[in-house]
Amino acid sequence: MNGDTLGLKTWGSSYVLAQLLHAFSSGPLAHFLSGDNGPPPQILELGSGTGLLGLAAACIWQANVVLTDLPGILPNLAHNAELNKTTLETRGGSAEAAALTWGGIAKHDIDPRFTKGSRYQVQRFPLLPPY
């Protein structure tokens, strides 16, 4: 998937969806993003690419976002997260980048943070209850 550097491009769909995040926070995701003085939302983005959507979510929703993608995409993704760190913190959010290859079994495919016993297990990213 990254042979054509697909993960190093910002797709138009990311840009459009980022513009809709405000509407989602008062609509379909209102129950998740209620902001009732609880802890900030924890978001795991799969296949973040350049990170545009996850970074926008961190800012708009004041969320802690983990941006993930293939190991070859990670340096650019981490760079983009670092470039936006001050803006994210000013707006009450945060973002960090980590390698995650879906179905990968080799050690270099998966960041150690996603192995058993880490804080990135399913408990940190619970599925939303059906409504």
C-alpha atoms as a PDB file:
ATOM      1  CA  MET A   1       0.000   0.000   0.000  1.00  0.00           C
ATOM      2  CA  ASN A   2       2.859   2.458   0.463  1.00  0.00           C
ATOM      3  CA  GLY A   3       4.683   1.503  -2.742  1.00  0.00           C
ATOM      4  CA  ASP A   4       2.987   4.439  -4.481  1.00  0.00           C
ATOM      5  CA  THR A   5       3.481   6.622  -1.368  1.00  0.00           C
ATOM      6  CA  LEU A   6      -0.280   6.599  -0.832  1.00  0.00           C
ATOM      7  CA  GLY A   7       0.222   7.251   2.863  1.00  0.00           C
ATOM      8  CA  LEU A   8       2.305  10.349   2.192  1.00  0.00           C
ATOM      9  CA  LYS A   9      -0.529  12.191   0.475  1.00  0.00           C
ATOM     10  CA  THR A  10      -3.420  14.105   1.989  1.00  0.00           C
ATOM     11  CA  TRP A  11      -6.557  12.704   0.435  1.00  0.00           C
ATOM     12  CA  GLY A  12      -9.445  15.016  -0.385  1.00  0.00           C
ATOM     13  CA  SER A  13     -11.746  12.892   1.768  1.00  0.00           C
ATOM     14  CA  SER A  14      -9.615  13.694   4.843  1.00  0.00           C
ATOM     15  CA  TYR A  15      -9.938  17.401   4.164  1.00  0.00           C
ATOM     16  CA  VAL A  16     -13.713  17.186   3.673  1.00  0.00           C
ATOM     17  CA  LEU A  17     -14.237  15.022   6.761  1.00  0.00           C
ATOM     18  CA  ALA A  18     -12.075  17.346   8.874  1.00  0.00           C
ATOM     19  CA  GLN A  19     -14.435  20.183   7.960  1.00  0.00           C
ATOM     20  CA  LEU A  20     -17.385  18.126   9.238  1.00  0.00           C
ATOM     21  CA  LEU A  21     -15.954  17.294  12.677  1.00  0.00           C
ATOM     22  CA  HIS A  22     -17.804  20.187  14.346  1.00  0.00           C
ATOM     23  CA  ALA A  23     -21.119  18.820  13.079  1.00  0.00           C
ATOM     24  CA  PHE A  24     -20.306  15.325  14.333  1.00  0.00           C
ATOM     25  CA  SER A  25     -19.616  16.627  17.842  1.00  0.00           C
ATOM     26  CA  SER A  26     -23.134  18.000  18.114  1.00  0.00           C
ATOM     27  CA  GLY A  27     -24.749  15.182  16.136  1.00  0.00           C
ATOM     28  CA  PRO A  28     -23.897  11.493  15.879  1.00  0.00           C
ATOM     29  CA  LEU A  29     -20.935  11.633  18.279  1.00  0.00           C
ATOM     30  CA  ALA A  30     -22.450  13.976  20.869  1.00  0.00           C
ATOM     31  CA  HIS A  31     -22.781  11.150  23.414  1.00  0.00           C
ATOM     32  CA  PHE A  32     -19.056  10.408  23.083  1.00  0.00           C
ATOM     33  CA  LEU A  33     -17.861  14.019  23.017  1.00  0.00           C
ATOM     34  CA  SER A  34     -20.223  15.472  25.608  1.00  0.00           C
ATOM     35  CA  GLY A  35     -17.454  17.326  27.451  1.00  0.00           C
ATOM     36  CA  ASP A  36     -19.103  16.801  30.860  1.00  0.00           C
ATOM     37  CA  ASN A  37     -15.800  17.501  32.639  1.00  0.00           C
ATOM     38  CA  GLY A  38     -14.769  13.876  32.213  1.00  0.00           C
ATOM     39  CA  PRO A  39     -11.439  12.810  30.797  1.00  0.00           C
ATOM     40  CA  PRO A  40     -10.733  13.869  27.220  1.00  0.00           C
ATOM     41  CA  PRO A  41     -11.764  11.393  24.521  1.00  0.00           C
ATOM     42  CA  GLN A  42      -9.140   8.818  23.545  1.00  0.00           C
ATOM     43  CA  ILE A  43      -9.073   8.294  19.772  1.00  0.00           C
ATOM     44  CA  LEU A  44      -7.116   5.706  17.815  1.00  0.00           C
ATOM     45  CA  GLU A  45      -6.851   6.590  14.123  1.00  0.00           C
ATOM     46  CA  LEU A  46      -5.971   3.717  11.807  1.00  0.00           C
ATOM     47  CA  GLY A  47      -4.161   4.577   8.587  1.00  0.00           C
ATOM     48  CA  SER A  48      -3.567   8.232   9.448  1.00  0.00           C
ATOM     49  CA  GLY A  49      -1.429   9.046   6.403  1.00  0.00           C
ATOM     50  CA  THR A  50      -0.328  12.666   6.835  1.00  0.00           C
ATOM     51  CA  GLY A  51      -2.393  12.943  10.017  1.00  0.00           C
ATOM     52  CA  LEU A  52      -4.707  15.751   8.879  1.00  0.00           C
ATOM     53  CA  LEU A  53      -7.924  14.194  10.155  1.00  0.00           C
ATOM     54  CA  GLY A  54      -6.509  13.016  13.488  1.00  0.00           C
ATOM     55  CA  LEU A  55      -4.828  16.351  14.148  1.00  0.00           C
ATOM     56  CA  ALA A  56      -8.075  18.175  13.360  1.00  0.00           C
ATOM     57  CA  ALA A  57      -9.971  15.853  15.714  1.00  0.00           C
ATOM     58  CA  ALA A  58      -7.460  16.512  18.498  1.00  0.00           C
ATOM     59  CA  CYS A  59      -7.962  20.271  18.109  1.00  0.00           C
ATOM     60  CA  ILE A  60     -11.712  20.394  17.574  1.00  0.00           C
ATOM     61  CA  TRP A  61     -12.713  17.718  20.055  1.00  0.00           C
ATOM     62  CA  GLN A  62      -9.971  18.433  22.622  1.00  0.00           C
ATOM     63  CA  ALA A  63      -9.025  14.779  22.368  1.00  0.00           C
ATOM     64  CA  ASN A  64      -5.934  12.654  22.829  1.00  0.00           C
ATOM     65  CA  VAL A  65      -5.309  11.030  19.444  1.00  0.00           C
ATOM     66  CA  VAL A  66      -2.929   8.230  18.563  1.00  0.00           C
ATOM     67  CA  LEU A  67      -2.136   8.473  14.855  1.00  0.00           C
ATOM     68  CA  THR A  68      -1.105   5.129  13.357  1.00  0.00           C
ATOM     69  CA  ASP A  69       0.158   3.967   9.992  1.00  0.00           C
ATOM     70  CA  LEU A  70       2.678   1.657   8.367  1.00  0.00           C
ATOM     71  CA  PRO A  71       6.295   1.896   9.555  1.00  0.00           C
ATOM     72  CA  GLY A  72       7.383   3.535   6.278  1.00  0.00           C
ATOM     73  CA  ILE A  73       4.816   6.311   6.735  1.00  0.00           C
ATOM     74  CA  LEU A  74       5.624   6.926  10.407  1.00  0.00           C
ATOM     75  CA  PRO A  75       8.510   9.417  10.060  1.00  0.00           C
ATOM     76  CA  ASN A  76       6.370  11.900   8.109  1.00  0.00           C
ATOM     77  CA  LEU A  77       3.369  11.318  10.384  1.00  0.00           C
ATOM     78  CA  ALA A  78       5.453  11.877  13.533  1.00  0.00           C
ATOM     79  CA  HIS A  79       6.963  15.010  11.973  1.00  0.00           C
ATOM     80  CA  ASN A  80       3.504  16.437  11.258  1.00  0.00           C
ATOM     81  CA  ALA A  81       2.342  15.683  14.803  1.00  0.00           C
ATOM     82  CA  GLU A  82       5.420  17.406  16.224  1.00  0.00           C
ATOM     83  CA  LEU A  83       4.953  20.467  13.982  1.00  0.00           C
ATOM     84  CA  ASN A  84       1.421  20.878  15.349  1.00  0.00           C
ATOM     85  CA  LYS A  85       2.146  20.056  19.000  1.00  0.00           C
ATOM     86  CA  THR A  86       1.882  23.636  20.307  1.00  0.00           C
ATOM     87  CA  THR A  87      -1.381  24.270  18.460  1.00  0.00           C
ATOM     88  CA  LEU A  88      -2.854  21.016  19.752  1.00  0.00           C
ATOM     89  CA  GLU A  89      -1.874  21.785  23.345  1.00  0.00           C
ATOM     90  CA  THR A  90      -3.247  25.329  23.079  1.00  0.00           C
ATOM     91  CA  ARG A  91      -6.593  23.900  21.980  1.00  0.00           C
ATOM     92  CA  GLY A  92      -6.663  21.186  24.652  1.00  0.00           C
ATOM     93  CA  GLY A  93      -5.716  18.183  22.533  1.00  0.00           C
ATOM     94  CA  SER A  94      -2.711  16.005  21.909  1.00  0.00           C
ATOM     95  CA  ALA A  95      -1.434  13.619  19.260  1.00  0.00           C
ATOM     96  CA  GLU A  96       1.273  11.031  19.053  1.00  0.00           C
ATOM     97  CA  ALA A  97       2.316   8.773  16.182  1.00  0.00           C
ATOM     98  CA  ALA A  98       2.934   5.034  16.288  1.00  0.00           C
ATOM     99  CA  ALA A  99       3.559   2.290  13.735  1.00  0.00           C
ATOM    100  CA  LEU A 100       0.763  -0.213  13.359  1.00  0.00           C
ATOM    101  CA  THR A 101       0.523  -2.747  10.549  1.00  0.00           C
ATOM    102  CA  TRP A 102      -2.830  -4.474  10.543  1.00  0.00           C
ATOM    103  CA  GLY A 103      -2.268  -8.177  10.875  1.00  0.00           C
ATOM    104  CA  GLY A 104       1.483  -7.696  11.216  1.00  0.00           C
ATOM    105  CA  ILE A 105       3.297 -10.241  13.311  1.00  0.00           C
ATOM    106  CA  ALA A 106       6.916  -9.149  12.913  1.00  0.00           C
ATOM    107  CA  LYS A 107       8.315  -6.932  15.667  1.00  0.00           C
ATOM    108  CA  HIS A 108       9.018  -4.081  13.234  1.00  0.00           C
ATOM    109  CA  ASP A 109       5.370  -4.132  12.081  1.00  0.00           C
ATOM    110  CA  ILE A 110       3.891  -3.110  15.415  1.00  0.00           C
ATOM    111  CA  ASP A 111       4.979  -0.409  17.820  1.00  0.00           C
ATOM    112  CA  PRO A 112       5.739  -1.888  21.265  1.00  0.00           C
ATOM    113  CA  ARG A 113       2.991   0.322  22.703  1.00  0.00           C
ATOM    114  CA  PHE A 114       0.425  -1.967  21.061  1.00  0.00           C
ATOM    115  CA  THR A 115       1.664  -5.218  22.568  1.00  0.00           C
ATOM    116  CA  LYS A 116      -0.004  -7.058  25.412  1.00  0.00           C
ATOM    117  CA  GLY A 117       0.144  -5.257  28.719  1.00  0.00           C
ATOM    118  CA  SER A 118       0.500  -1.767  27.335  1.00  0.00           C
ATOM    119  CA  ARG A 119      -1.792   1.202  27.878  1.00  0.00           C
ATOM    120  CA  TYR A 120      -2.931   0.973  24.246  1.00  0.00           C
ATOM    121  CA  GLN A 121      -4.927  -2.181  24.709  1.00  0.00           C
ATOM    122  CA  VAL A 122      -8.624  -2.365  23.930  1.00  0.00           C
ATOM    123  CA  GLN A 123      -9.516  -0.950  27.352  1.00  0.00           C
ATOM    124  CA  ARG A 124      -8.111   2.433  26.308  1.00  0.00           C
ATOM    125  CA  PHE A 125     -10.167   2.482  23.111  1.00  0.00           C
ATOM    126  CA  PRO A 126     -13.501   0.915  24.068  1.00  0.00           C
ATOM    127  CA  LEU A 127     -16.091   0.438  21.388  1.00  0.00           C
ATOM    128  CA  LEU A 128     -18.968   2.859  21.608  1.00  0.00           C
ATOM    129  CA  PRO A 129     -22.184   1.263  22.856  1.00  0.00           C
ATOM    130  CA  PRO A 130     -24.890   0.930  20.198  1.00  0.00           C
ATOM    131  CA  TYR A 131     -27.579   3.549  20.338  1.00  0.00           C
END
